[in-house]
């Protein structure tokens, strides 16, 4: 089983990219980190991901995890993620330090923070402005303490024809090492 992180700022298009990858022939199941985060714990979901998702999948077993209802503000229901050769982990912080040892690849949606946040605010509408104000501060703190982009294997941007994929900082280092016999 190989875990592939799809990370980037809120509003950058992570869910869309993960959905497109999952829909491809031989596609992969998707873990949406929004299902595990909550209003009270925007980024404090690592332990649950490791215990409820990574551990069972590593043993070839289905992962079962509680799902947060963002409207009702409670964990309500459960999802099952089947074991598969590739599983996508999509969400802000998917490429975080604690998960990187378990990740085969990190994709970073390379959209500037302000552009991504503006897209997210437009998507969610004015009724969630107060949430976004708090979210932006929380995301800034998260990426200041635990950045993903420097560890990305690939940088991904949407363009007119679909997606443009370039080597990321870690991917460029690996290509350089291969080119120099490393």
C-alpha atoms as a PDB file:
ATOM      1  CA  UNK A   1       0.000   0.000   0.000  1.00  0.00           C
ATOM      2  CA  UNK A   2       1.308   3.433  -0.953  1.00  0.00           C
ATOM      3  CA  UNK A   3      -0.072   6.618   0.580  1.00  0.00           C
ATOM      4  CA  UNK A   4       0.015   9.718  -1.609  1.00  0.00           C
ATOM      5  CA  UNK A   5      -0.553  13.099   0.062  1.00  0.00           C
ATOM      6  CA  UNK A   6      -2.413  15.850  -1.790  1.00  0.00           C
ATOM      7  CA  UNK A   7      -1.608  18.978   0.230  1.00  0.00           C
ATOM      8  CA  UNK A   8      -1.844  22.742  -0.220  1.00  0.00           C
ATOM      9  CA  UNK A   9      -3.581  25.791   1.158  1.00  0.00           C
ATOM     10  CA  UNK A  10      -7.319  25.728   1.805  1.00  0.00           C
ATOM     11  CA  UNK A  11      -9.097  26.519  -1.448  1.00  0.00           C
ATOM     12  CA  UNK A  12      -6.173  25.443  -3.668  1.00  0.00           C
ATOM     13  CA  UNK A  13      -8.024  22.580  -5.370  1.00  0.00           C
ATOM     14  CA  UNK A  14      -6.873  19.529  -3.385  1.00  0.00           C
ATOM     15  CA  UNK A  15     -10.284  17.837  -3.323  1.00  0.00           C
ATOM     16  CA  UNK A  16     -10.771  18.433  -7.047  1.00  0.00           C
ATOM     17  CA  UNK A  17      -7.369  16.967  -7.923  1.00  0.00           C
ATOM     18  CA  UNK A  18      -7.858  13.984  -5.601  1.00  0.00           C
ATOM     19  CA  UNK A  19     -11.287  13.383  -7.140  1.00  0.00           C
ATOM     20  CA  UNK A  20      -9.848  13.445 -10.636  1.00  0.00           C
ATOM     21  CA  UNK A  21      -7.045  11.065  -9.670  1.00  0.00           C
ATOM     22  CA  UNK A  22      -9.541   8.730  -7.997  1.00  0.00           C
ATOM     23  CA  UNK A  23     -11.729   8.723 -11.132  1.00  0.00           C
ATOM     24  CA  UNK A  24      -8.886   7.671 -13.414  1.00  0.00           C
ATOM     25  CA  UNK A  25      -8.771   4.010 -14.519  1.00  0.00           C
ATOM     26  CA  UNK A  26      -7.236   2.092 -11.653  1.00  0.00           C
ATOM     27  CA  UNK A  27      -8.004   5.085  -9.421  1.00  0.00           C
ATOM     28  CA  UNK A  28      -7.436   5.162  -5.704  1.00  0.00           C
ATOM     29  CA  UNK A  29      -9.663   5.585  -2.654  1.00  0.00           C
ATOM     30  CA  UNK A  30      -9.462   9.021  -1.014  1.00  0.00           C
ATOM     31  CA  UNK A  31      -9.181   9.928   2.654  1.00  0.00           C
ATOM     32  CA  UNK A  32     -10.505  13.485   3.092  1.00  0.00           C
ATOM     33  CA  UNK A  33      -8.849  15.004   6.163  1.00  0.00           C
ATOM     34  CA  UNK A  34     -11.873  17.296   6.599  1.00  0.00           C
ATOM     35  CA  UNK A  35     -13.628  14.141   7.818  1.00  0.00           C
ATOM     36  CA  UNK A  36     -11.162  13.841  10.720  1.00  0.00           C
ATOM     37  CA  UNK A  37     -10.620  17.500  11.610  1.00  0.00           C
ATOM     38  CA  UNK A  38     -13.127  19.473  13.667  1.00  0.00           C
ATOM     39  CA  UNK A  39     -13.857  23.042  14.727  1.00  0.00           C
ATOM     40  CA  UNK A  40     -11.999  22.393  17.985  1.00  0.00           C
ATOM     41  CA  UNK A  41      -9.113  20.475  16.418  1.00  0.00           C
ATOM     42  CA  UNK A  42      -8.374  21.851  12.965  1.00  0.00           C
ATOM     43  CA  UNK A  43      -4.943  20.196  12.827  1.00  0.00           C
ATOM     44  CA  UNK A  44      -4.937  17.808  15.777  1.00  0.00           C
ATOM     45  CA  UNK A  45      -5.959  14.709  13.828  1.00  0.00           C
ATOM     46  CA  UNK A  46      -2.570  13.050  13.302  1.00  0.00           C
ATOM     47  CA  UNK A  47      -2.993  10.377  15.996  1.00  0.00           C
ATOM     48  CA  UNK A  48      -6.360   9.307  14.607  1.00  0.00           C
ATOM     49  CA  UNK A  49      -5.007   9.108  11.053  1.00  0.00           C
ATOM     50  CA  UNK A  50      -2.088   6.960  12.176  1.00  0.00           C
ATOM     51  CA  UNK A  51      -4.210   4.669  14.382  1.00  0.00           C
ATOM     52  CA  UNK A  52      -7.467   4.462  12.438  1.00  0.00           C
ATOM     53  CA  UNK A  53      -6.177   4.680   8.857  1.00  0.00           C
ATOM     54  CA  UNK A  54      -2.444   4.092   8.371  1.00  0.00           C
ATOM     55  CA  UNK A  55      -2.084   1.122  10.756  1.00  0.00           C
ATOM     56  CA  UNK A  56      -4.964  -0.989   9.402  1.00  0.00           C
ATOM     57  CA  UNK A  57      -4.139  -0.199   5.760  1.00  0.00           C
ATOM     58  CA  UNK A  58      -0.499  -1.159   6.361  1.00  0.00           C
ATOM     59  CA  UNK A  59      -1.779  -4.592   7.444  1.00  0.00           C
ATOM     60  CA  UNK A  60      -4.036  -4.919   4.390  1.00  0.00           C
ATOM     61  CA  UNK A  61      -7.181  -4.280   6.433  1.00  0.00           C
ATOM     62  CA  UNK A  62      -9.921  -1.696   5.840  1.00  0.00           C
ATOM     63  CA  UNK A  63      -9.594   1.572   7.747  1.00  0.00           C
ATOM     64  CA  UNK A  64     -12.602   2.709   9.776  1.00  0.00           C
ATOM     65  CA  UNK A  65     -12.786   6.230  11.123  1.00  0.00           C
ATOM     66  CA  UNK A  66     -15.311   8.640  12.579  1.00  0.00           C
ATOM     67  CA  UNK A  67     -16.548  11.449  10.333  1.00  0.00           C
ATOM     68  CA  UNK A  68     -17.023  15.018  11.557  1.00  0.00           C
ATOM     69  CA  UNK A  69     -20.253  16.793  10.634  1.00  0.00           C
ATOM     70  CA  UNK A  70     -19.202  20.442  10.093  1.00  0.00           C
ATOM     71  CA  UNK A  71     -22.788  21.709  10.251  1.00  0.00           C
ATOM     72  CA  UNK A  72     -23.793  19.951  13.486  1.00  0.00           C
ATOM     73  CA  UNK A  73     -20.264  20.141  14.998  1.00  0.00           C
ATOM     74  CA  UNK A  74     -20.150  16.499  16.090  1.00  0.00           C
ATOM     75  CA  UNK A  75     -18.505  13.293  14.957  1.00  0.00           C
ATOM     76  CA  UNK A  76     -21.414  11.408  13.481  1.00  0.00           C
ATOM     77  CA  UNK A  77     -21.114   8.209  11.523  1.00  0.00           C
ATOM     78  CA  UNK A  78     -18.201   6.187  10.270  1.00  0.00           C
ATOM     79  CA  UNK A  79     -16.488   5.672   6.947  1.00  0.00           C
ATOM     80  CA  UNK A  80     -14.564   2.695   5.708  1.00  0.00           C
ATOM     81  CA  UNK A  81     -11.572   3.082   3.421  1.00  0.00           C
ATOM     82  CA  UNK A  82     -10.651  -0.129   1.607  1.00  0.00           C
ATOM     83  CA  UNK A  83      -7.056  -1.279   1.346  1.00  0.00           C
ATOM     84  CA  UNK A  84      -5.674  -0.566  -2.120  1.00  0.00           C
ATOM     85  CA  UNK A  85      -2.298  -0.381  -3.846  1.00  0.00           C
ATOM     86  CA  UNK A  86      -2.529   3.447  -3.674  1.00  0.00           C
ATOM     87  CA  UNK A  87      -4.563   5.530  -1.227  1.00  0.00           C
ATOM     88  CA  UNK A  88      -4.848   9.317  -1.574  1.00  0.00           C
ATOM     89  CA  UNK A  89      -4.727  11.430   1.605  1.00  0.00           C
ATOM     90  CA  UNK A  90      -6.227  14.813   0.755  1.00  0.00           C
ATOM     91  CA  UNK A  91      -6.295  17.927   2.916  1.00  0.00           C
ATOM     92  CA  UNK A  92      -4.353  20.788   4.422  1.00  0.00           C
ATOM     93  CA  UNK A  93      -1.465  19.201   6.290  1.00  0.00           C
ATOM     94  CA  UNK A  94      -1.612  15.835   4.490  1.00  0.00           C
ATOM     95  CA  UNK A  95       2.157  16.014   3.974  1.00  0.00           C
ATOM     96  CA  UNK A  96       2.951  16.886   7.591  1.00  0.00           C
ATOM     97  CA  UNK A  97       6.091  15.716   9.344  1.00  0.00           C
ATOM     98  CA  UNK A  98       4.385  12.933  11.354  1.00  0.00           C
ATOM     99  CA  UNK A  99       2.881  11.373   8.215  1.00  0.00           C
ATOM    100  CA  UNK A 100       5.864  11.733   5.853  1.00  0.00           C
ATOM    101  CA  UNK A 101       7.517   8.435   6.916  1.00  0.00           C
ATOM    102  CA  UNK A 102       4.343   6.664   5.725  1.00  0.00           C
ATOM    103  CA  UNK A 103       3.963   8.589   2.450  1.00  0.00           C
ATOM    104  CA  UNK A 104       5.201   7.341  -0.906  1.00  0.00           C
ATOM    105  CA  UNK A 105       4.705  10.751  -2.531  1.00  0.00           C
ATOM    106  CA  UNK A 106       3.699  14.310  -1.621  1.00  0.00           C
ATOM    107  CA  UNK A 107       1.841  16.460  -4.151  1.00  0.00           C
ATOM    108  CA  UNK A 108       1.657  20.178  -3.331  1.00  0.00           C
ATOM    109  CA  UNK A 109      -1.047  22.297  -5.005  1.00  0.00           C
ATOM    110  CA  UNK A 110       1.183  25.231  -5.867  1.00  0.00           C
ATOM    111  CA  UNK A 111      -1.346  28.047  -5.548  1.00  0.00           C
ATOM    112  CA  UNK A 112      -0.359  31.211  -3.641  1.00  0.00           C
ATOM    113  CA  UNK A 113      -1.937  31.346  -0.193  1.00  0.00           C
ATOM    114  CA  UNK A 114      -3.967  34.524  -0.810  1.00  0.00           C
ATOM    115  CA  UNK A 115      -5.311  33.215  -4.146  1.00  0.00           C
ATOM    116  CA  UNK A 116      -6.291  29.864  -2.611  1.00  0.00           C
ATOM    117  CA  UNK A 117      -7.971  31.504   0.379  1.00  0.00           C
ATOM    118  CA  UNK A 118      -9.917  33.897  -1.888  1.00  0.00           C
ATOM    119  CA  UNK A 119     -11.143  30.897  -3.902  1.00  0.00           C
ATOM    120  CA  UNK A 120     -12.157  29.106  -0.706  1.00  0.00           C
ATOM    121  CA  UNK A 121     -14.032  32.138   0.602  1.00  0.00           C
ATOM    122  CA  UNK A 122     -15.899  32.501  -2.719  1.00  0.00           C
ATOM    123  CA  UNK A 123     -16.760  28.798  -2.646  1.00  0.00           C
ATOM    124  CA  UNK A 124     -18.065  28.889   0.942  1.00  0.00           C
ATOM    125  CA  UNK A 125     -19.818  32.258   0.806  1.00  0.00           C
ATOM    126  CA  UNK A 126     -20.070  35.107   3.325  1.00  0.00           C
ATOM    127  CA  UNK A 127     -21.818  33.063   6.029  1.00  0.00           C
ATOM    128  CA  UNK A 128     -18.460  31.357   6.721  1.00  0.00           C
ATOM    129  CA  UNK A 129     -16.345  34.546   6.849  1.00  0.00           C
ATOM    130  CA  UNK A 130     -15.786  34.242  10.615  1.00  0.00           C
ATOM    131  CA  UNK A 131     -14.678  30.620  10.198  1.00  0.00           C
ATOM    132  CA  UNK A 132     -12.270  31.618   7.422  1.00  0.00           C
ATOM    133  CA  UNK A 133     -10.771  34.403   9.575  1.00  0.00           C
ATOM    134  CA  UNK A 134      -9.883  31.828  12.234  1.00  0.00           C
ATOM    135  CA  UNK A 135      -8.881  29.219   9.672  1.00  0.00           C
ATOM    136  CA  UNK A 136      -6.357  31.495   7.961  1.00  0.00           C
ATOM    137  CA  UNK A 137      -4.583  32.191  11.272  1.00  0.00           C
ATOM    138  CA  UNK A 138      -4.576  28.473  12.148  1.00  0.00           C
ATOM    139  CA  UNK A 139      -3.246  27.471   8.728  1.00  0.00           C
ATOM    140  CA  UNK A 140      -0.473  30.086   8.922  1.00  0.00           C
ATOM    141  CA  UNK A 141       0.582  28.719  12.330  1.00  0.00           C
ATOM    142  CA  UNK A 142       0.448  25.131  11.063  1.00  0.00           C
ATOM    143  CA  UNK A 143       2.616  25.696   7.984  1.00  0.00           C
ATOM    144  CA  UNK A 144       5.051  27.940   9.915  1.00  0.00           C
ATOM    145  CA  UNK A 145       5.672  25.076  12.352  1.00  0.00           C
ATOM    146  CA  UNK A 146       5.334  22.151   9.920  1.00  0.00           C
ATOM    147  CA  UNK A 147       5.682  23.181   6.263  1.00  0.00           C
ATOM    148  CA  UNK A 148       4.832  20.699   3.517  1.00  0.00           C
ATOM    149  CA  UNK A 149       5.964  22.454   0.325  1.00  0.00           C
ATOM    150  CA  UNK A 150       9.737  21.969   0.965  1.00  0.00           C
ATOM    151  CA  UNK A 151       9.091  18.204   1.134  1.00  0.00           C
ATOM    152  CA  UNK A 152       6.877  17.943  -1.952  1.00  0.00           C
ATOM    153  CA  UNK A 153       7.849  15.449  -4.625  1.00  0.00           C
ATOM    154  CA  UNK A 154       5.729  17.308  -7.178  1.00  0.00           C
ATOM    155  CA  UNK A 155       4.265  20.818  -7.480  1.00  0.00           C
ATOM    156  CA  UNK A 156       0.875  20.849  -9.211  1.00  0.00           C
ATOM    157  CA  UNK A 157      -0.976  23.795 -10.771  1.00  0.00           C
ATOM    158  CA  UNK A 158      -4.101  23.910 -12.861  1.00  0.00           C
ATOM    159  CA  UNK A 159      -3.685  25.302 -16.336  1.00  0.00           C
ATOM    160  CA  UNK A 160      -5.922  25.636 -19.368  1.00  0.00           C
ATOM    161  CA  UNK A 161      -5.329  22.014 -20.409  1.00  0.00           C
ATOM    162  CA  UNK A 162      -5.731  20.426 -16.976  1.00  0.00           C
ATOM    163  CA  UNK A 163      -2.764  20.208 -14.629  1.00  0.00           C
ATOM    164  CA  UNK A 164       0.878  21.169 -14.909  1.00  0.00           C
ATOM    165  CA  UNK A 165       3.125  18.948 -12.776  1.00  0.00           C
ATOM    166  CA  UNK A 166       6.713  19.961 -12.002  1.00  0.00           C
ATOM    167  CA  UNK A 167       9.307  18.382  -9.719  1.00  0.00           C
ATOM    168  CA  UNK A 168       8.950  19.661  -6.182  1.00  0.00           C
ATOM    169  CA  UNK A 169      11.849  20.479  -3.862  1.00  0.00           C
ATOM    170  CA  UNK A 170      12.203  16.856  -2.697  1.00  0.00           C
ATOM    171  CA  UNK A 171      11.549  15.519  -6.189  1.00  0.00           C
ATOM    172  CA  UNK A 172      14.214  17.825  -7.657  1.00  0.00           C
ATOM    173  CA  UNK A 173      16.700  16.632  -5.007  1.00  0.00           C
ATOM    174  CA  UNK A 174      15.975  12.998  -5.919  1.00  0.00           C
ATOM    175  CA  UNK A 175      16.390  13.718  -9.659  1.00  0.00           C
ATOM    176  CA  UNK A 176      19.687  15.472  -8.968  1.00  0.00           C
ATOM    177  CA  UNK A 177      20.926  12.549  -6.869  1.00  0.00           C
ATOM    178  CA  UNK A 178      20.002  10.055  -9.635  1.00  0.00           C
ATOM    179  CA  UNK A 179      21.748  12.229 -12.237  1.00  0.00           C
ATOM    180  CA  UNK A 180      24.900  12.245 -10.099  1.00  0.00           C
ATOM    181  CA  UNK A 181      24.849   8.509  -9.400  1.00  0.00           C
ATOM    182  CA  UNK A 182      23.244   8.831  -5.930  1.00  0.00           C
END
